[in-house]
Amino acid sequence: ARRIVRYWGMGLRLFGPDFEKRGRATLDDDLLGGGGGGGGGRAPLLESHLFRLMPEKDDFGRSILCYVIPPSDAVRDKNIAASENEPSFAKVFWWYLHAGLDDDSDDSSGQNNDGGFVFVVDNRVKPKRMGGYRKNREEMTSVMYCVPVKIRAVHMWFSPDSSWLRRAIFQGITYVADICLRRRFVLHAGTTEQVLKELRERYGIGAEKLPTELGGDVETEHFARWLEE
């Protein structure tokens, strides 16, 4: 019951009174630049493909959602600035979670689909504007708490040269979060080849299920076509 209340409260906050009438958010109506309703083009976060809902599920039948930080400072700062000026980050994340839920309900591939999501979060590039970055993470957490999805695991991917202290502190935080939230947080810090091997052999996430920015096989063009369809 509490989750239902949170769900509708978050939906109304993000999408306004129309959400109560329709009961869902749509790509064309609600994720336009400027907060929806006749803006000029889709939200910058959609166009940058910061989130990637992968076309294939993991070996356990769970949807894979990747969060890829653009390596370019200009692109990265533009996306963070956009999310500070409007709730576009939370809107886009909300929409991707629902797209994954729809994909689960329509799945006819014969996979053993036990539902839920696994997240692969790119932490290899440190954003210059940490305030916006933290705000984005808070928005993601708020949406996860209210959308009725099962978060099976969160894979945090650091570069091998990330500071030892940063990784150690984060590992402690995720350990506590794992206990309190009963979600599995996994910390990865190594070369691309090392992390890809670990994801494939231990977690059922092969290169064919990851975007090229993470060393996988799925090109950016796939996501552009998917959004157009």
C-alpha atoms as a PDB file:
ATOM      1  CA  ALA A   1       0.000   0.000   0.000  1.00  0.00           C
ATOM      2  CA  ARG A   2       2.806   2.401   0.853  1.00  0.00           C
ATOM      3  CA  ARG A   3       4.510   1.709  -2.437  1.00  0.00           C
ATOM      4  CA  ILE A   4       1.302   2.460  -4.343  1.00  0.00           C
ATOM      5  CA  VAL A   5       0.997   5.802  -2.546  1.00  0.00           C
ATOM      6  CA  ARG A   6       4.651   6.598  -3.326  1.00  0.00           C
ATOM      7  CA  TYR A   7       4.138   5.552  -6.949  1.00  0.00           C
ATOM      8  CA  TRP A   8       1.207   7.897  -7.562  1.00  0.00           C
ATOM      9  CA  GLY A   9       2.847  10.700  -5.605  1.00  0.00           C
ATOM     10  CA  MET A  10       6.015  10.459  -7.679  1.00  0.00           C
ATOM     11  CA  GLY A  11       4.034  10.185 -10.926  1.00  0.00           C
ATOM     12  CA  LEU A  12       2.068  13.336 -10.134  1.00  0.00           C
ATOM     13  CA  ARG A  13       5.226  15.199  -9.118  1.00  0.00           C
ATOM     14  CA  LEU A  14       7.035  14.302 -12.324  1.00  0.00           C
ATOM     15  CA  PHE A  15       4.250  14.382 -14.906  1.00  0.00           C
ATOM     16  CA  GLY A  16       1.502  16.550 -13.430  1.00  0.00           C
ATOM     17  CA  PRO A  17      -2.298  16.052 -13.296  1.00  0.00           C
ATOM     18  CA  ASP A  18      -2.423  14.223 -16.643  1.00  0.00           C
ATOM     19  CA  PHE A  19      -0.681  11.282 -15.002  1.00  0.00           C
ATOM     20  CA  GLU A  20      -3.687  10.720 -12.741  1.00  0.00           C
ATOM     21  CA  LYS A  21      -6.008  10.574 -15.761  1.00  0.00           C
ATOM     22  CA  ARG A  22      -3.902   8.256 -17.897  1.00  0.00           C
ATOM     23  CA  GLY A  23      -2.144   6.246 -15.218  1.00  0.00           C
ATOM     24  CA  ARG A  24       1.123   6.113 -17.144  1.00  0.00           C
ATOM     25  CA  ALA A  25       3.822   8.254 -18.741  1.00  0.00           C
ATOM     26  CA  THR A  26       4.325   8.254 -22.498  1.00  0.00           C
ATOM     27  CA  LEU A  27       7.492   8.976 -24.419  1.00  0.00           C
ATOM     28  CA  ASP A  28       6.034  11.546 -26.822  1.00  0.00           C
ATOM     29  CA  ASP A  29       3.907  13.480 -24.335  1.00  0.00           C
ATOM     30  CA  ASP A  30       5.965  13.532 -21.170  1.00  0.00           C
ATOM     31  CA  LEU A  31       9.650  13.291 -22.041  1.00  0.00           C
ATOM     32  CA  LEU A  32       9.963  16.355 -24.250  1.00  0.00           C
ATOM     33  CA  GLY A  33      12.520  19.040 -23.597  1.00  0.00           C
ATOM     34  CA  GLY A  34      11.368  21.655 -21.110  1.00  0.00           C
ATOM     35  CA  GLY A  35       9.196  19.293 -19.112  1.00  0.00           C
ATOM     36  CA  GLY A  36       6.692  18.122 -21.728  1.00  0.00           C
ATOM     37  CA  GLY A  37       3.701  19.475 -23.561  1.00  0.00           C
ATOM     38  CA  GLY A  38       5.027  20.984 -26.760  1.00  0.00           C
ATOM     39  CA  GLY A  39       8.725  21.471 -26.109  1.00  0.00           C
ATOM     40  CA  GLY A  40      11.253  21.383 -28.891  1.00  0.00           C
ATOM     41  CA  GLY A  41      12.424  17.801 -29.179  1.00  0.00           C
ATOM     42  CA  ARG A  42      13.049  15.005 -26.761  1.00  0.00           C
ATOM     43  CA  ALA A  43      14.832  15.469 -23.470  1.00  0.00           C
ATOM     44  CA  PRO A  44      18.637  15.777 -23.867  1.00  0.00           C
ATOM     45  CA  LEU A  45      19.088  12.759 -21.608  1.00  0.00           C
ATOM     46  CA  LEU A  46      17.110  10.624 -24.056  1.00  0.00           C
ATOM     47  CA  GLU A  47      19.039  11.902 -27.055  1.00  0.00           C
ATOM     48  CA  SER A  48      22.379  11.257 -25.331  1.00  0.00           C
ATOM     49  CA  HIS A  49      21.398   7.643 -24.560  1.00  0.00           C
ATOM     50  CA  LEU A  50      22.733   7.959 -21.033  1.00  0.00           C
ATOM     51  CA  PHE A  51      20.482   5.029 -20.112  1.00  0.00           C
ATOM     52  CA  ARG A  52      20.559   1.871 -22.221  1.00  0.00           C
ATOM     53  CA  LEU A  53      17.842  -0.767 -21.928  1.00  0.00           C
ATOM     54  CA  MET A  54      19.581  -3.742 -23.495  1.00  0.00           C
ATOM     55  CA  PRO A  55      17.817  -5.812 -26.176  1.00  0.00           C
ATOM     56  CA  GLU A  56      18.779  -9.106 -24.511  1.00  0.00           C
ATOM     57  CA  LYS A  57      18.213 -10.179 -20.923  1.00  0.00           C
ATOM     58  CA  ASP A  58      20.864 -11.780 -18.747  1.00  0.00           C
ATOM     59  CA  ASP A  59      21.188 -15.560 -18.508  1.00  0.00           C
ATOM     60  CA  PHE A  60      18.608 -15.561 -15.702  1.00  0.00           C
ATOM     61  CA  GLY A  61      15.945 -13.753 -17.734  1.00  0.00           C
ATOM     62  CA  ARG A  62      16.298 -10.321 -16.132  1.00  0.00           C
ATOM     63  CA  SER A  63      16.243  -7.022 -17.996  1.00  0.00           C
ATOM     64  CA  ILE A  64      19.564  -5.187 -18.145  1.00  0.00           C
ATOM     65  CA  LEU A  65      19.612  -1.409 -17.757  1.00  0.00           C
ATOM     66  CA  CYS A  66      22.982   0.302 -18.214  1.00  0.00           C
ATOM     67  CA  TYR A  67      23.883   3.793 -17.054  1.00  0.00           C
ATOM     68  CA  VAL A  68      26.754   5.031 -19.213  1.00  0.00           C
ATOM     69  CA  ILE A  69      28.535   8.282 -18.354  1.00  0.00           C
ATOM     70  CA  PRO A  70      29.646  10.069 -21.555  1.00  0.00           C
ATOM     71  CA  PRO A  71      33.454  10.382 -21.669  1.00  0.00           C
ATOM     72  CA  SER A  72      33.224  13.890 -23.145  1.00  0.00           C
ATOM     73  CA  ASP A  73      33.223  16.643 -20.515  1.00  0.00           C
ATOM     74  CA  ALA A  74      30.988  18.842 -22.686  1.00  0.00           C
ATOM     75  CA  VAL A  75      28.338  16.170 -23.164  1.00  0.00           C
ATOM     76  CA  ARG A  76      28.507  15.061 -19.540  1.00  0.00           C
ATOM     77  CA  ASP A  77      28.131  18.554 -18.108  1.00  0.00           C
ATOM     78  CA  LYS A  78      25.286  19.348 -20.527  1.00  0.00           C
ATOM     79  CA  ASN A  79      23.312  16.334 -19.328  1.00  0.00           C
ATOM     80  CA  ILE A  80      23.889  17.094 -15.657  1.00  0.00           C
ATOM     81  CA  ALA A  81      22.911  20.753 -16.153  1.00  0.00           C
ATOM     82  CA  ALA A  82      19.692  19.682 -17.857  1.00  0.00           C
ATOM     83  CA  SER A  83      18.771  17.417 -14.976  1.00  0.00           C
ATOM     84  CA  GLU A  84      19.397  20.210 -12.461  1.00  0.00           C
ATOM     85  CA  ASN A  85      17.016  22.564 -14.288  1.00  0.00           C
ATOM     86  CA  GLU A  86      14.132  20.085 -14.628  1.00  0.00           C
ATOM     87  CA  PRO A  87      13.220  16.601 -13.363  1.00  0.00           C
ATOM     88  CA  SER A  88      14.201  15.107 -16.709  1.00  0.00           C
ATOM     89  CA  PHE A  89      16.620  12.626 -15.157  1.00  0.00           C
ATOM     90  CA  ALA A  90      13.930  11.065 -12.962  1.00  0.00           C
ATOM     91  CA  LYS A  91      11.439  11.142 -15.860  1.00  0.00           C
ATOM     92  CA  VAL A  92      13.783   9.293 -18.183  1.00  0.00           C
ATOM     93  CA  PHE A  93      14.696   6.726 -15.533  1.00  0.00           C
ATOM     94  CA  TRP A  94      10.999   6.208 -14.738  1.00  0.00           C
ATOM     95  CA  TRP A  95      10.217   5.665 -18.406  1.00  0.00           C
ATOM     96  CA  TYR A  96      13.040   3.136 -18.904  1.00  0.00           C
ATOM     97  CA  LEU A  97      11.923   1.083 -15.902  1.00  0.00           C
ATOM     98  CA  HIS A  98       8.408   0.930 -17.315  1.00  0.00           C
ATOM     99  CA  ALA A  99       9.751   0.057 -20.767  1.00  0.00           C
ATOM    100  CA  GLY A 100      11.543  -2.880 -19.160  1.00  0.00           C
ATOM    101  CA  LEU A 101       8.352  -3.937 -17.395  1.00  0.00           C
ATOM    102  CA  ASP A 102       6.452  -3.818 -20.687  1.00  0.00           C
ATOM    103  CA  ASP A 103       9.193  -5.891 -22.285  1.00  0.00           C
ATOM    104  CA  ASP A 104       8.801  -8.501 -19.545  1.00  0.00           C
ATOM    105  CA  SER A 105       5.045  -8.743 -20.065  1.00  0.00           C
ATOM    106  CA  ASP A 106       5.394  -9.014 -23.860  1.00  0.00           C
ATOM    107  CA  ASP A 107       8.320 -11.464 -23.820  1.00  0.00           C
ATOM    108  CA  SER A 108       7.736 -14.402 -26.131  1.00  0.00           C
ATOM    109  CA  SER A 109      11.352 -15.450 -26.598  1.00  0.00           C
ATOM    110  CA  GLY A 110      11.017 -18.539 -24.460  1.00  0.00           C
ATOM    111  CA  GLN A 111      13.659 -17.320 -22.009  1.00  0.00           C
ATOM    112  CA  ASN A 112      13.372 -18.357 -18.394  1.00  0.00           C
ATOM    113  CA  ASN A 113      12.224 -14.909 -17.324  1.00  0.00           C
ATOM    114  CA  ASP A 114      11.899 -14.493 -13.571  1.00  0.00           C
ATOM    115  CA  GLY A 115      11.399 -10.750 -13.968  1.00  0.00           C
ATOM    116  CA  GLY A 116      13.228  -7.841 -12.455  1.00  0.00           C
ATOM    117  CA  PHE A 117      16.228  -5.762 -13.420  1.00  0.00           C
ATOM    118  CA  VAL A 118      19.962  -5.760 -13.081  1.00  0.00           C
ATOM    119  CA  PHE A 119      21.742  -2.404 -13.361  1.00  0.00           C
ATOM    120  CA  VAL A 120      25.237  -1.872 -14.718  1.00  0.00           C
ATOM    121  CA  VAL A 121      26.411   1.583 -13.631  1.00  0.00           C
ATOM    122  CA  ASP A 122      29.447   3.207 -15.238  1.00  0.00           C
ATOM    123  CA  ASN A 123      31.629   4.929 -12.623  1.00  0.00           C
ATOM    124  CA  ARG A 124      34.856   4.935 -14.625  1.00  0.00           C
ATOM    125  CA  VAL A 125      34.724   8.660 -15.390  1.00  0.00           C
ATOM    126  CA  LYS A 126      34.420  11.088 -12.495  1.00  0.00           C
ATOM    127  CA  PRO A 127      31.959  13.882 -13.352  1.00  0.00           C
ATOM    128  CA  LYS A 128      33.200  17.424 -12.859  1.00  0.00           C
ATOM    129  CA  ARG A 129      29.937  18.627 -11.346  1.00  0.00           C
ATOM    130  CA  MET A 130      29.485  16.331  -8.371  1.00  0.00           C
ATOM    131  CA  GLY A 131      26.443  18.228  -7.073  1.00  0.00           C
ATOM    132  CA  GLY A 132      24.437  17.392 -10.169  1.00  0.00           C
ATOM    133  CA  TYR A 133      25.780  13.845 -10.171  1.00  0.00           C
ATOM    134  CA  ARG A 134      24.649  13.261  -6.577  1.00  0.00           C
ATOM    135  CA  LYS A 135      21.250  14.751  -7.354  1.00  0.00           C
ATOM    136  CA  ASN A 136      20.853  12.351 -10.261  1.00  0.00           C
ATOM    137  CA  ARG A 137      21.628   9.382  -8.016  1.00  0.00           C
ATOM    138  CA  GLU A 138      19.106  10.589  -5.452  1.00  0.00           C
ATOM    139  CA  GLU A 139      16.460  10.841  -8.169  1.00  0.00           C
ATOM    140  CA  MET A 140      17.238   7.283  -9.304  1.00  0.00           C
ATOM    141  CA  THR A 141      16.882   5.987  -5.753  1.00  0.00           C
ATOM    142  CA  SER A 142      13.563   7.805  -5.256  1.00  0.00           C
ATOM    143  CA  VAL A 143      12.136   6.323  -8.445  1.00  0.00           C
ATOM    144  CA  MET A 144      13.366   2.817  -7.567  1.00  0.00           C
ATOM    145  CA  TYR A 145      11.547   2.999  -4.235  1.00  0.00           C
ATOM    146  CA  CYS A 146       8.167   3.675  -5.814  1.00  0.00           C
ATOM    147  CA  VAL A 147       8.116   1.827  -9.173  1.00  0.00           C
ATOM    148  CA  PRO A 148       7.013  -1.821  -8.710  1.00  0.00           C
ATOM    149  CA  VAL A 149      10.136  -3.503 -10.069  1.00  0.00           C
ATOM    150  CA  LYS A 150      12.464  -6.074  -8.567  1.00  0.00           C
ATOM    151  CA  ILE A 151      16.048  -4.815  -8.502  1.00  0.00           C
ATOM    152  CA  ARG A 152      18.047  -8.037  -8.484  1.00  0.00           C
ATOM    153  CA  ALA A 153      21.541  -6.550  -8.562  1.00  0.00           C
ATOM    154  CA  VAL A 154      23.422  -3.293  -9.076  1.00  0.00           C
ATOM    155  CA  HIS A 155      26.875  -3.599 -10.661  1.00  0.00           C
ATOM    156  CA  MET A 156      29.099  -0.560 -10.020  1.00  0.00           C
ATOM    157  CA  TRP A 157      31.974  -0.380 -12.522  1.00  0.00           C
ATOM    158  CA  PHE A 158      35.077   1.602 -11.510  1.00  0.00           C
ATOM    159  CA  SER A 159      38.264   2.073 -13.502  1.00  0.00           C
ATOM    160  CA  PRO A 160      41.383   0.285 -12.202  1.00  0.00           C
ATOM    161  CA  ASP A 161      43.023   3.638 -11.416  1.00  0.00           C
ATOM    162  CA  SER A 162      40.158   4.916  -9.243  1.00  0.00           C
ATOM    163  CA  SER A 163      41.504   6.000  -5.882  1.00  0.00           C
ATOM    164  CA  TRP A 164      41.699   3.209  -3.324  1.00  0.00           C
ATOM    165  CA  LEU A 165      39.951   5.345  -0.704  1.00  0.00           C
ATOM    166  CA  ARG A 166      37.050   6.135  -3.016  1.00  0.00           C
ATOM    167  CA  ARG A 167      36.487   2.447  -3.763  1.00  0.00           C
ATOM    168  CA  ALA A 168      36.855   1.418  -0.110  1.00  0.00           C
ATOM    169  CA  ILE A 169      34.340   4.007   1.100  1.00  0.00           C
ATOM    170  CA  PHE A 170      31.890   3.079  -1.617  1.00  0.00           C
ATOM    171  CA  GLN A 171      32.275  -0.609  -0.849  1.00  0.00           C
ATOM    172  CA  GLY A 172      31.352   0.055   2.784  1.00  0.00           C
ATOM    173  CA  ILE A 173      28.314   2.097   1.779  1.00  0.00           C
ATOM    174  CA  THR A 174      27.078  -0.533  -0.654  1.00  0.00           C
ATOM    175  CA  TYR A 175      27.566  -3.282   1.931  1.00  0.00           C
ATOM    176  CA  VAL A 176      25.274  -1.446   4.354  1.00  0.00           C
ATOM    177  CA  ALA A 177      22.802  -0.692   1.554  1.00  0.00           C
ATOM    178  CA  ASP A 178      22.838  -4.347   0.548  1.00  0.00           C
ATOM    179  CA  ILE A 179      21.785  -5.360   4.058  1.00  0.00           C
ATOM    180  CA  CYS A 180      19.240  -2.584   4.571  1.00  0.00           C
ATOM    181  CA  LEU A 181      17.658  -2.657   1.115  1.00  0.00           C
ATOM    182  CA  ARG A 182      18.153  -6.389   0.500  1.00  0.00           C
ATOM    183  CA  ARG A 183      19.549  -5.679  -2.934  1.00  0.00           C
ATOM    184  CA  ARG A 184      22.802  -7.066  -4.200  1.00  0.00           C
ATOM    185  CA  PHE A 185      25.453  -4.435  -4.856  1.00  0.00           C
ATOM    186  CA  VAL A 186      28.566  -5.625  -6.666  1.00  0.00           C
ATOM    187  CA  LEU A 187      31.725  -3.543  -7.001  1.00  0.00           C
ATOM    188  CA  HIS A 188      33.908  -4.034 -10.092  1.00  0.00           C
ATOM    189  CA  ALA A 189      37.328  -2.379 -10.478  1.00  0.00           C
ATOM    190  CA  GLY A 190      39.611  -3.627 -13.227  1.00  0.00           C
ATOM    191  CA  THR A 191      40.400  -3.450 -16.905  1.00  0.00           C
ATOM    192  CA  THR A 192      37.567  -3.718 -19.399  1.00  0.00           C
ATOM    193  CA  GLU A 193      38.597  -7.274 -20.231  1.00  0.00           C
ATOM    194  CA  GLN A 194      38.665  -8.290 -16.558  1.00  0.00           C
ATOM    195  CA  VAL A 195      35.257  -6.830 -15.764  1.00  0.00           C
ATOM    196  CA  LEU A 196      33.650  -8.253 -18.910  1.00  0.00           C
ATOM    197  CA  LYS A 197      34.956 -11.707 -18.039  1.00  0.00           C
ATOM    198  CA  GLU A 198      33.603 -11.416 -14.501  1.00  0.00           C
ATOM    199  CA  LEU A 199      30.192 -10.212 -15.676  1.00  0.00           C
ATOM    200  CA  ARG A 200      29.964 -13.041 -18.207  1.00  0.00           C
ATOM    201  CA  GLU A 201      31.213 -15.926 -16.070  1.00  0.00           C
ATOM    202  CA  ARG A 202      29.732 -15.010 -12.696  1.00  0.00           C
ATOM    203  CA  TYR A 203      26.636 -12.968 -13.497  1.00  0.00           C
ATOM    204  CA  GLY A 204      25.406 -14.122 -16.906  1.00  0.00           C
ATOM    205  CA  ILE A 205      25.967 -10.776 -18.642  1.00  0.00           C
ATOM    206  CA  GLY A 206      28.000 -11.377 -21.789  1.00  0.00           C
ATOM    207  CA  ALA A 207      29.444  -8.792 -24.168  1.00  0.00           C
ATOM    208  CA  GLU A 208      26.508  -9.329 -26.539  1.00  0.00           C
ATOM    209  CA  LYS A 209      24.281  -7.911 -23.788  1.00  0.00           C
ATOM    210  CA  LEU A 210      26.265  -4.706 -23.164  1.00  0.00           C
ATOM    211  CA  PRO A 211      26.767  -1.441 -25.094  1.00  0.00           C
ATOM    212  CA  THR A 212      29.991  -0.714 -26.950  1.00  0.00           C
ATOM    213  CA  GLU A 213      30.868   2.013 -24.419  1.00  0.00           C
ATOM    214  CA  LEU A 214      31.259  -0.757 -21.845  1.00  0.00           C
ATOM    215  CA  GLY A 215      33.200  -3.026 -24.172  1.00  0.00           C
ATOM    216  CA  GLY A 216      30.101  -4.834 -25.422  1.00  0.00           C
ATOM    217  CA  ASP A 217      28.705  -5.504 -28.879  1.00  0.00           C
ATOM    218  CA  VAL A 218      25.510  -3.402 -28.968  1.00  0.00           C
ATOM    219  CA  GLU A 219      26.040  -0.232 -31.016  1.00  0.00           C
ATOM    220  CA  THR A 220      24.581   3.165 -30.107  1.00  0.00           C
ATOM    221  CA  GLU A 221      22.579   3.112 -33.344  1.00  0.00           C
ATOM    222  CA  HIS A 222      20.469   0.286 -31.920  1.00  0.00           C
ATOM    223  CA  PHE A 223      19.171   2.544 -29.147  1.00  0.00           C
ATOM    224  CA  ALA A 224      18.465   5.409 -31.543  1.00  0.00           C
ATOM    225  CA  ARG A 225      16.377   3.095 -33.737  1.00  0.00           C
ATOM    226  CA  TRP A 226      14.635   1.636 -30.685  1.00  0.00           C
ATOM    227  CA  LEU A 227      13.546   5.087 -29.498  1.00  0.00           C
ATOM    228  CA  GLU A 228      12.241   5.985 -32.943  1.00  0.00           C
ATOM    229  CA  GLU A 229      10.177   2.801 -33.073  1.00  0.00           C
END
